[in-house]
N, C-alpha and C. Protein backbone atom coordinates (compact mmCIF):
# COMPACT_ATOMS: atom_id res chain seq x y z
N MET A 1 -87.48 130.18 -29.57
CA MET A 1 -87.48 129.37 -30.83
C MET A 1 -88.50 128.22 -30.67
N ALA A 2 -89.43 128.17 -31.58
CA ALA A 2 -90.47 127.10 -31.56
C ALA A 2 -89.95 125.85 -32.21
N PHE A 3 -90.21 124.69 -31.63
CA PHE A 3 -89.77 123.47 -32.19
C PHE A 3 -90.97 122.54 -32.43
N ASP A 4 -91.17 122.14 -33.68
CA ASP A 4 -92.36 121.35 -34.06
C ASP A 4 -91.95 119.90 -33.85
N THR A 5 -92.39 119.25 -32.78
CA THR A 5 -92.06 117.89 -32.47
C THR A 5 -92.74 116.92 -33.49
N LEU A 6 -93.88 117.19 -33.88
CA LEU A 6 -94.62 116.32 -34.87
C LEU A 6 -93.88 116.29 -36.24
N GLN A 7 -93.54 117.46 -36.64
CA GLN A 7 -92.81 117.49 -37.96
C GLN A 7 -91.43 116.73 -37.84
N PHE A 8 -90.75 116.92 -36.73
CA PHE A 8 -89.46 116.28 -36.58
C PHE A 8 -89.65 114.71 -36.51
N ALA A 9 -90.66 114.27 -35.73
CA ALA A 9 -90.96 112.79 -35.63
C ALA A 9 -91.33 112.22 -37.02
N ASN A 10 -92.13 112.98 -37.73
CA ASN A 10 -92.53 112.52 -39.14
C ASN A 10 -91.29 112.39 -40.00
N ARG A 11 -90.42 113.31 -39.95
CA ARG A 11 -89.15 113.21 -40.76
C ARG A 11 -88.36 111.97 -40.36
N LEU A 12 -88.23 111.70 -39.07
CA LEU A 12 -87.52 110.47 -38.64
C LEU A 12 -88.21 109.20 -39.15
N LYS A 13 -89.56 109.23 -39.06
CA LYS A 13 -90.31 108.09 -39.52
C LYS A 13 -90.08 107.85 -40.99
N ALA A 14 -90.09 109.00 -41.82
CA ALA A 14 -89.89 108.94 -43.20
C ALA A 14 -88.53 108.37 -43.55
N ALA A 15 -87.57 108.66 -42.68
CA ALA A 15 -86.18 108.17 -42.89
C ALA A 15 -85.99 106.70 -42.46
N GLY A 16 -87.05 106.08 -41.93
CA GLY A 16 -87.00 104.64 -41.58
C GLY A 16 -86.83 104.44 -40.06
N VAL A 17 -86.91 105.45 -39.24
CA VAL A 17 -86.81 105.27 -37.78
C VAL A 17 -88.18 104.73 -37.27
N PRO A 18 -88.16 103.74 -36.41
CA PRO A 18 -89.45 103.26 -35.83
C PRO A 18 -90.25 104.34 -35.21
N SER A 19 -91.57 104.29 -35.19
CA SER A 19 -92.43 105.33 -34.77
C SER A 19 -92.22 105.69 -33.31
N ALA A 20 -92.11 104.72 -32.39
CA ALA A 20 -91.91 104.95 -30.96
C ALA A 20 -90.54 105.65 -30.76
N HIS A 21 -89.58 105.22 -31.49
CA HIS A 21 -88.22 105.83 -31.33
C HIS A 21 -88.25 107.23 -31.81
N ALA A 22 -88.87 107.53 -32.92
CA ALA A 22 -88.93 108.87 -33.49
C ALA A 22 -89.67 109.85 -32.60
N GLU A 23 -90.76 109.34 -32.00
CA GLU A 23 -91.50 110.23 -31.03
C GLU A 23 -90.74 110.47 -29.75
N ALA A 24 -90.06 109.48 -29.26
CA ALA A 24 -89.21 109.69 -28.06
C ALA A 24 -88.08 110.66 -28.36
N GLU A 25 -87.39 110.52 -29.50
CA GLU A 25 -86.33 111.51 -29.86
C GLU A 25 -86.90 112.93 -29.98
N ALA A 26 -88.05 113.06 -30.58
CA ALA A 26 -88.64 114.41 -30.76
C ALA A 26 -89.00 115.12 -29.42
N CYS A 27 -89.53 114.24 -28.46
CA CYS A 27 -89.84 114.79 -27.13
C CYS A 27 -88.57 115.16 -26.37
N ALA A 28 -87.55 114.29 -26.47
CA ALA A 28 -86.29 114.56 -25.73
C ALA A 28 -85.65 115.86 -26.30
N LEU A 29 -85.63 116.04 -27.59
CA LEU A 29 -85.02 117.21 -28.12
C LEU A 29 -85.81 118.45 -27.78
N ALA A 30 -87.14 118.38 -27.76
CA ALA A 30 -87.95 119.51 -27.30
C ALA A 30 -87.65 119.90 -25.91
N GLU A 31 -87.44 118.89 -24.95
CA GLU A 31 -87.10 119.21 -23.59
C GLU A 31 -85.74 119.90 -23.51
N VAL A 32 -84.80 119.43 -24.24
CA VAL A 32 -83.43 120.06 -24.21
C VAL A 32 -83.51 121.44 -24.71
N LEU A 33 -84.18 121.73 -25.81
CA LEU A 33 -84.28 123.07 -26.41
C LEU A 33 -85.04 124.02 -25.50
N ALA A 34 -86.09 123.46 -24.82
CA ALA A 34 -86.84 124.30 -23.86
C ALA A 34 -85.98 124.69 -22.67
N GLY A 35 -85.18 123.85 -22.22
CA GLY A 35 -84.24 124.15 -21.08
C GLY A 35 -83.16 125.16 -21.50
N GLN A 36 -82.75 125.13 -22.76
CA GLN A 36 -81.67 126.05 -23.17
C GLN A 36 -82.20 127.46 -23.31
N GLY A 37 -83.53 127.64 -23.69
CA GLY A 37 -84.11 128.92 -23.90
C GLY A 37 -84.03 129.83 -22.66
N GLU A 38 -84.12 129.23 -21.47
CA GLU A 38 -84.01 130.08 -20.25
C GLU A 38 -82.64 130.57 -19.98
N ARG A 39 -81.61 129.84 -20.44
CA ARG A 39 -80.22 130.23 -20.10
C ARG A 39 -79.55 131.10 -21.14
N LEU A 40 -80.09 131.21 -22.36
CA LEU A 40 -79.52 131.97 -23.44
C LEU A 40 -79.70 133.45 -23.22
N ALA A 41 -78.62 134.25 -23.50
CA ALA A 41 -78.68 135.69 -23.36
C ALA A 41 -79.58 136.21 -24.49
N THR A 42 -80.33 137.31 -24.20
CA THR A 42 -81.12 137.88 -25.20
C THR A 42 -80.33 139.05 -25.79
N LYS A 43 -80.81 139.63 -26.92
CA LYS A 43 -80.16 140.71 -27.59
C LYS A 43 -80.23 141.92 -26.63
N GLN A 44 -81.26 142.01 -25.84
CA GLN A 44 -81.35 143.10 -24.82
C GLN A 44 -80.29 143.00 -23.76
N ASP A 45 -80.02 141.75 -23.34
CA ASP A 45 -78.94 141.54 -22.31
C ASP A 45 -77.63 142.01 -22.92
N VAL A 46 -77.32 141.61 -24.14
CA VAL A 46 -76.05 141.99 -24.75
C VAL A 46 -75.97 143.47 -24.98
N ASP A 47 -77.10 144.06 -25.44
CA ASP A 47 -77.12 145.53 -25.70
C ASP A 47 -76.88 146.28 -24.38
N ALA A 48 -77.54 145.85 -23.28
CA ALA A 48 -77.36 146.47 -22.04
C ALA A 48 -75.96 146.41 -21.53
N LEU A 49 -75.35 145.25 -21.73
CA LEU A 49 -73.91 145.13 -21.37
C LEU A 49 -73.03 146.01 -22.23
N GLY A 50 -73.31 146.11 -23.53
CA GLY A 50 -72.60 147.00 -24.42
C GLY A 50 -72.67 148.45 -23.96
N GLN A 51 -73.91 148.90 -23.56
CA GLN A 51 -74.05 150.24 -23.06
C GLN A 51 -73.27 150.47 -21.82
N ARG A 52 -73.19 149.54 -20.91
CA ARG A 52 -72.41 149.61 -19.72
C ARG A 52 -70.93 149.73 -20.07
N ILE A 53 -70.48 148.98 -21.02
CA ILE A 53 -69.10 149.07 -21.42
C ILE A 53 -68.79 150.43 -22.01
N ASP A 54 -69.74 150.97 -22.86
CA ASP A 54 -69.53 152.34 -23.40
C ASP A 54 -69.42 153.37 -22.27
N LEU A 55 -70.30 153.27 -21.26
CA LEU A 55 -70.26 154.15 -20.11
C LEU A 55 -68.92 154.09 -19.40
N LEU A 56 -68.45 152.86 -19.18
CA LEU A 56 -67.14 152.77 -18.54
C LEU A 56 -65.99 153.31 -19.39
N GLU A 57 -66.09 153.11 -20.67
CA GLU A 57 -65.04 153.68 -21.58
C GLU A 57 -65.02 155.17 -21.45
N THR A 58 -66.20 155.80 -21.39
CA THR A 58 -66.27 157.31 -21.27
C THR A 58 -65.74 157.74 -19.93
N GLN A 59 -66.01 157.02 -18.88
CA GLN A 59 -65.53 157.43 -17.56
C GLN A 59 -64.00 157.26 -17.49
N ILE A 60 -63.52 156.24 -18.10
CA ILE A 60 -62.06 156.02 -18.04
C ILE A 60 -61.33 157.10 -18.87
N GLU A 61 -61.86 157.46 -20.04
CA GLU A 61 -61.26 158.48 -20.83
C GLU A 61 -61.22 159.81 -20.21
N GLU A 62 -62.25 160.12 -19.36
CA GLU A 62 -62.33 161.39 -18.67
C GLU A 62 -61.33 161.47 -17.56
N ARG A 63 -60.96 160.32 -16.95
CA ARG A 63 -60.15 160.35 -15.73
C ARG A 63 -58.65 160.10 -15.95
N LEU A 64 -58.25 159.47 -17.09
CA LEU A 64 -56.91 159.15 -17.30
C LEU A 64 -56.01 160.34 -17.69
N ALA A 65 -54.82 160.32 -17.21
CA ALA A 65 -53.91 161.48 -17.42
C ALA A 65 -52.96 161.31 -18.56
N THR A 66 -52.60 160.10 -18.93
CA THR A 66 -51.53 159.91 -19.95
C THR A 66 -52.08 159.02 -21.13
N LYS A 67 -51.48 159.10 -22.25
CA LYS A 67 -51.87 158.38 -23.43
C LYS A 67 -51.53 156.88 -23.12
N GLN A 68 -50.49 156.64 -22.41
CA GLN A 68 -50.12 155.21 -22.09
C GLN A 68 -51.18 154.61 -21.29
N ASP A 69 -51.75 155.29 -20.36
CA ASP A 69 -52.87 154.76 -19.49
C ASP A 69 -54.03 154.47 -20.37
N VAL A 70 -54.37 155.37 -21.32
CA VAL A 70 -55.53 155.21 -22.17
C VAL A 70 -55.30 153.98 -23.07
N ASP A 71 -54.08 153.82 -23.61
CA ASP A 71 -53.82 152.64 -24.41
C ASP A 71 -53.87 151.35 -23.63
N ALA A 72 -53.35 151.35 -22.43
CA ALA A 72 -53.41 150.17 -21.63
C ALA A 72 -54.86 149.79 -21.28
N LEU A 73 -55.67 150.76 -20.94
CA LEU A 73 -57.01 150.52 -20.59
C LEU A 73 -57.81 150.08 -21.82
N GLY A 74 -57.53 150.69 -22.95
CA GLY A 74 -58.17 150.31 -24.21
C GLY A 74 -57.89 148.83 -24.51
N HIS A 75 -56.70 148.45 -24.31
CA HIS A 75 -56.33 147.04 -24.51
C HIS A 75 -57.14 146.12 -23.53
N ARG A 76 -57.16 146.61 -22.36
CA ARG A 76 -57.93 145.81 -21.31
C ARG A 76 -59.38 145.69 -21.64
N ILE A 77 -59.99 146.79 -22.13
CA ILE A 77 -61.36 146.82 -22.49
C ILE A 77 -61.61 145.86 -23.73
N ASP A 78 -60.72 145.88 -24.68
CA ASP A 78 -60.77 145.01 -25.83
C ASP A 78 -60.80 143.55 -25.33
N LEU A 79 -59.90 143.23 -24.39
CA LEU A 79 -59.88 141.85 -23.83
C LEU A 79 -61.16 141.49 -23.16
N LEU A 80 -61.73 142.46 -22.41
CA LEU A 80 -63.02 142.22 -21.71
C LEU A 80 -64.13 142.03 -22.71
N GLU A 81 -64.11 142.89 -23.76
CA GLU A 81 -65.15 142.70 -24.79
C GLU A 81 -65.04 141.33 -25.46
N ALA A 82 -63.86 140.86 -25.71
CA ALA A 82 -63.68 139.50 -26.29
C ALA A 82 -64.22 138.44 -25.37
N GLN A 83 -63.95 138.63 -24.11
CA GLN A 83 -64.51 137.69 -23.14
C GLN A 83 -66.05 137.69 -23.10
N ILE A 84 -66.60 138.88 -23.24
CA ILE A 84 -68.05 139.02 -23.19
C ILE A 84 -68.63 138.27 -24.37
N GLU A 85 -68.05 138.40 -25.53
CA GLU A 85 -68.61 137.77 -26.73
C GLU A 85 -68.55 136.23 -26.61
N LEU A 86 -67.62 135.71 -25.81
CA LEU A 86 -67.53 134.26 -25.68
C LEU A 86 -68.51 133.72 -24.69
N ARG A 87 -69.10 134.57 -23.85
CA ARG A 87 -70.02 134.17 -22.85
C ARG A 87 -71.44 134.59 -23.27
N ALA A 88 -72.29 133.56 -23.48
CA ALA A 88 -73.62 134.00 -24.07
C ALA A 88 -74.78 133.65 -23.14
N THR A 89 -74.58 133.02 -21.98
CA THR A 89 -75.79 132.73 -21.15
C THR A 89 -76.01 133.73 -20.08
N LYS A 90 -77.17 133.75 -19.59
CA LYS A 90 -77.57 134.74 -18.58
C LYS A 90 -76.71 134.54 -17.29
N ALA A 91 -76.37 133.34 -16.95
CA ALA A 91 -75.57 133.05 -15.75
C ALA A 91 -74.20 133.62 -15.99
N ASP A 92 -73.63 133.49 -17.19
CA ASP A 92 -72.39 134.07 -17.47
C ASP A 92 -72.44 135.55 -17.51
N LEU A 93 -73.53 136.15 -17.95
CA LEU A 93 -73.69 137.61 -17.92
C LEU A 93 -73.58 138.12 -16.52
N ALA A 94 -74.25 137.51 -15.57
CA ALA A 94 -74.14 137.91 -14.19
C ALA A 94 -72.70 137.80 -13.68
N ALA A 95 -72.00 136.85 -14.03
CA ALA A 95 -70.59 136.69 -13.62
C ALA A 95 -69.79 137.82 -14.23
N LEU A 96 -70.09 138.11 -15.48
CA LEU A 96 -69.38 139.23 -16.18
C LEU A 96 -69.62 140.58 -15.53
N GLU A 97 -70.87 140.78 -15.10
CA GLU A 97 -71.18 142.04 -14.40
C GLU A 97 -70.35 142.15 -13.13
N ALA A 98 -70.25 141.06 -12.39
CA ALA A 98 -69.43 141.06 -11.18
C ALA A 98 -67.97 141.36 -11.51
N GLU A 99 -67.49 140.78 -12.62
CA GLU A 99 -66.09 141.03 -13.02
C GLU A 99 -65.94 142.46 -13.38
N MET A 100 -66.92 143.03 -14.13
CA MET A 100 -66.84 144.44 -14.48
C MET A 100 -66.80 145.34 -13.21
N GLY A 101 -67.50 144.98 -12.24
CA GLY A 101 -67.45 145.76 -10.96
C GLY A 101 -66.05 145.69 -10.37
N ARG A 102 -65.48 144.48 -10.40
CA ARG A 102 -64.10 144.39 -9.85
C ARG A 102 -63.12 145.18 -10.72
N VAL A 103 -63.34 145.12 -12.01
CA VAL A 103 -62.44 145.90 -12.90
C VAL A 103 -62.56 147.37 -12.63
N GLU A 104 -63.84 147.85 -12.46
CA GLU A 104 -64.08 149.21 -12.19
C GLU A 104 -63.35 149.62 -10.88
N GLU A 105 -63.42 148.78 -9.87
CA GLU A 105 -62.78 149.10 -8.60
C GLU A 105 -61.20 149.16 -8.82
N ARG A 106 -60.72 148.19 -9.57
CA ARG A 106 -59.22 148.21 -9.81
C ARG A 106 -58.85 149.51 -10.62
N LEU A 107 -59.62 149.85 -11.64
CA LEU A 107 -59.36 151.03 -12.42
C LEU A 107 -59.38 152.27 -11.61
N GLU A 108 -60.41 152.37 -10.72
CA GLU A 108 -60.54 153.53 -9.84
C GLU A 108 -59.36 153.65 -8.89
N ALA A 109 -58.91 152.44 -8.41
CA ALA A 109 -57.77 152.48 -7.50
C ALA A 109 -56.52 152.92 -8.24
N GLU A 110 -56.37 152.42 -9.53
CA GLU A 110 -55.20 152.81 -10.30
C GLU A 110 -55.23 154.28 -10.67
N MET A 111 -56.44 154.79 -10.96
CA MET A 111 -56.58 156.19 -11.29
C MET A 111 -56.23 157.02 -10.09
N GLY A 112 -56.62 156.54 -8.90
CA GLY A 112 -56.25 157.26 -7.63
C GLY A 112 -54.79 157.36 -7.45
N ARG A 113 -54.06 156.21 -7.76
CA ARG A 113 -52.63 156.21 -7.64
C ARG A 113 -52.02 157.16 -8.63
N ILE A 114 -52.51 157.17 -9.90
CA ILE A 114 -52.00 158.09 -10.90
C ILE A 114 -52.22 159.54 -10.46
N GLU A 115 -53.42 159.84 -9.98
CA GLU A 115 -53.68 161.19 -9.48
C GLU A 115 -52.76 161.59 -8.36
N GLU A 116 -52.51 160.68 -7.44
CA GLU A 116 -51.52 160.93 -6.36
C GLU A 116 -50.13 161.27 -6.91
N ARG A 117 -49.70 160.43 -7.89
CA ARG A 117 -48.36 160.64 -8.44
C ARG A 117 -48.32 161.96 -9.13
N LEU A 118 -49.33 162.31 -9.86
CA LEU A 118 -49.39 163.59 -10.56
C LEU A 118 -49.40 164.77 -9.59
N GLU A 119 -50.19 164.62 -8.48
CA GLU A 119 -50.23 165.71 -7.52
C GLU A 119 -48.85 165.91 -6.87
N THR A 120 -48.18 164.76 -6.54
CA THR A 120 -46.87 164.82 -5.95
C THR A 120 -45.97 165.56 -6.92
N LYS A 121 -45.93 165.19 -8.21
CA LYS A 121 -45.06 165.84 -9.20
C LYS A 121 -45.36 167.28 -9.27
N ILE A 122 -46.66 167.66 -9.30
CA ILE A 122 -47.03 169.07 -9.39
C ILE A 122 -46.55 169.82 -8.15
N GLU A 123 -46.67 169.21 -6.97
CA GLU A 123 -46.27 169.90 -5.75
C GLU A 123 -44.77 170.05 -5.77
N LYS A 124 -44.00 169.10 -6.21
CA LYS A 124 -42.53 169.17 -6.21
C LYS A 124 -42.16 170.32 -7.24
N SER A 125 -42.83 170.33 -8.38
CA SER A 125 -42.53 171.36 -9.37
C SER A 125 -42.82 172.75 -8.83
N ALA A 126 -43.96 172.82 -8.10
CA ALA A 126 -44.35 174.15 -7.57
C ALA A 126 -43.35 174.62 -6.50
N LEU A 127 -42.87 173.71 -5.66
CA LEU A 127 -41.88 174.05 -4.68
C LEU A 127 -40.54 174.48 -5.32
N ARG A 128 -40.17 173.73 -6.36
CA ARG A 128 -38.94 174.08 -7.08
C ARG A 128 -39.05 175.41 -7.72
N LEU A 129 -40.15 175.68 -8.43
CA LEU A 129 -40.42 176.99 -8.98
C LEU A 129 -40.44 178.12 -7.97
N HIS A 130 -41.02 177.87 -6.82
CA HIS A 130 -41.09 178.84 -5.77
C HIS A 130 -39.69 179.24 -5.34
N GLY A 131 -38.84 178.20 -5.14
CA GLY A 131 -37.43 178.42 -4.76
C GLY A 131 -36.71 179.21 -5.80
N GLU A 132 -36.95 178.91 -7.09
CA GLU A 132 -36.24 179.69 -8.14
C GLU A 132 -36.77 181.12 -8.17
N ILE A 133 -38.04 181.35 -7.94
CA ILE A 133 -38.60 182.70 -7.94
C ILE A 133 -37.99 183.48 -6.77
N MET A 134 -37.87 182.83 -5.63
CA MET A 134 -37.29 183.48 -4.51
C MET A 134 -35.82 183.89 -4.71
N ALA A 135 -35.09 182.95 -5.34
CA ALA A 135 -33.71 183.19 -5.70
C ALA A 135 -33.57 184.40 -6.69
N LEU A 136 -34.51 184.43 -7.67
CA LEU A 136 -34.54 185.54 -8.60
C LEU A 136 -34.86 186.91 -7.89
N GLY A 137 -35.72 186.80 -6.95
CA GLY A 137 -36.09 187.96 -6.14
C GLY A 137 -34.91 188.51 -5.40
N HIS A 138 -34.11 187.61 -4.79
CA HIS A 138 -32.90 188.07 -4.06
C HIS A 138 -31.92 188.62 -5.11
N GLN A 139 -31.74 188.06 -6.17
CA GLN A 139 -30.82 188.54 -7.26
C GLN A 139 -31.30 189.98 -7.73
N MET A 140 -32.59 190.12 -7.88
CA MET A 140 -33.12 191.38 -8.31
C MET A 140 -32.86 192.47 -7.22
N GLY A 141 -32.99 192.10 -6.01
CA GLY A 141 -32.67 193.08 -4.85
C GLY A 141 -31.22 193.45 -4.91
N LEU A 142 -30.39 192.53 -5.16
CA LEU A 142 -28.93 192.80 -5.19
C LEU A 142 -28.64 193.69 -6.41
N MET A 143 -29.28 193.41 -7.51
CA MET A 143 -29.03 194.24 -8.66
C MET A 143 -29.53 195.64 -8.46
N ARG A 144 -30.63 195.84 -7.82
CA ARG A 144 -31.18 197.14 -7.49
C ARG A 144 -30.11 197.90 -6.61
N TRP A 145 -29.68 197.21 -5.64
CA TRP A 145 -28.71 197.84 -4.72
C TRP A 145 -27.47 198.21 -5.50
N MET A 146 -26.99 197.37 -6.41
CA MET A 146 -25.77 197.69 -7.21
C MET A 146 -26.04 198.81 -8.09
N MET A 147 -27.26 198.90 -8.74
CA MET A 147 -27.61 200.01 -9.56
C MET A 147 -27.65 201.27 -8.80
N GLY A 148 -28.22 201.22 -7.58
CA GLY A 148 -28.28 202.37 -6.75
C GLY A 148 -26.85 202.91 -6.41
N LEU A 149 -26.03 201.91 -6.10
CA LEU A 149 -24.62 202.26 -5.78
C LEU A 149 -23.94 202.91 -6.97
N MET A 150 -24.23 202.35 -8.20
CA MET A 150 -23.61 202.87 -9.37
C MET A 150 -24.11 204.26 -9.67
N VAL A 151 -25.40 204.48 -9.51
CA VAL A 151 -25.99 205.84 -9.75
C VAL A 151 -25.42 206.78 -8.74
N ALA A 152 -25.30 206.38 -7.52
CA ALA A 152 -24.75 207.31 -6.49
C ALA A 152 -23.25 207.65 -6.80
N GLY A 153 -22.54 206.59 -7.21
CA GLY A 153 -21.11 206.88 -7.60
C GLY A 153 -21.03 207.73 -8.83
N LEU A 154 -21.83 207.43 -9.81
CA LEU A 154 -21.83 208.28 -11.06
C LEU A 154 -22.25 209.72 -10.68
N THR A 155 -23.26 209.84 -9.87
CA THR A 155 -23.68 211.16 -9.45
C THR A 155 -22.56 211.92 -8.74
N SER A 156 -21.87 211.25 -7.91
CA SER A 156 -20.74 211.83 -7.18
C SER A 156 -19.70 212.31 -8.11
N LEU A 157 -19.38 211.44 -9.10
CA LEU A 157 -18.30 211.82 -10.07
C LEU A 157 -18.74 212.95 -10.97
N ILE A 158 -19.99 212.99 -11.32
CA ILE A 158 -20.53 214.14 -12.16
C ILE A 158 -20.55 215.32 -11.33
N ALA A 159 -20.91 215.30 -10.13
CA ALA A 159 -20.94 216.45 -9.22
C ALA A 159 -19.56 217.04 -9.04
N LYS A 160 -18.57 216.15 -8.84
CA LYS A 160 -17.20 216.54 -8.72
C LYS A 160 -16.66 217.25 -9.93
N ALA A 161 -17.07 216.69 -11.10
CA ALA A 161 -16.57 217.19 -12.32
C ALA A 161 -17.16 218.59 -12.66
N PHE A 162 -18.41 218.75 -12.38
CA PHE A 162 -19.08 219.99 -12.72
C PHE A 162 -19.17 221.00 -11.59
N LEU A 163 -18.99 220.52 -10.36
CA LEU A 163 -19.04 221.39 -9.18
C LEU A 163 -17.78 221.09 -8.43
N PRO A 164 -16.64 221.69 -8.83
CA PRO A 164 -15.36 221.38 -8.22
C PRO A 164 -15.28 221.81 -6.77
N GLY A 165 -16.05 222.66 -6.29
CA GLY A 165 -15.96 223.13 -4.95
C GLY A 165 -16.55 222.22 -3.93
N LEU A 166 -17.24 221.25 -4.33
CA LEU A 166 -17.86 220.34 -3.36
C LEU A 166 -16.93 219.31 -2.81
């Protein structure tokens, strides 16, 4: 942002401020504004950070297993976005990037724990189902044996009925 010190000093003089005082104020204000320009975040900085947030949201949505996890992370992302909007200087942007890295690490660790819990549940369910299948197999074998016994007994009775000499 360009600051016209001459125009500012002339306005002060027109308002009745002594010439030396008006020029000193104009120079001091120009120095302050020049120093602020280096620390302010640019639109490119904010856009780049927004793109990084979008990428993180996509990665999170791909990895989460439950709606509750998605809701909790969405809330966390909303909070982080609110924090980002409050911090506008480049120094703060660097700190936010470091925080995002820590958040990514925590999210990855939490996703790992969720995956482990899901794998454990799946393994337990698979073992339980395997046991049930084995029990059904044993029951089927017993039923086959019983059916064989019934067929043999019925065959014996039919043979006795129709072939009395046996």
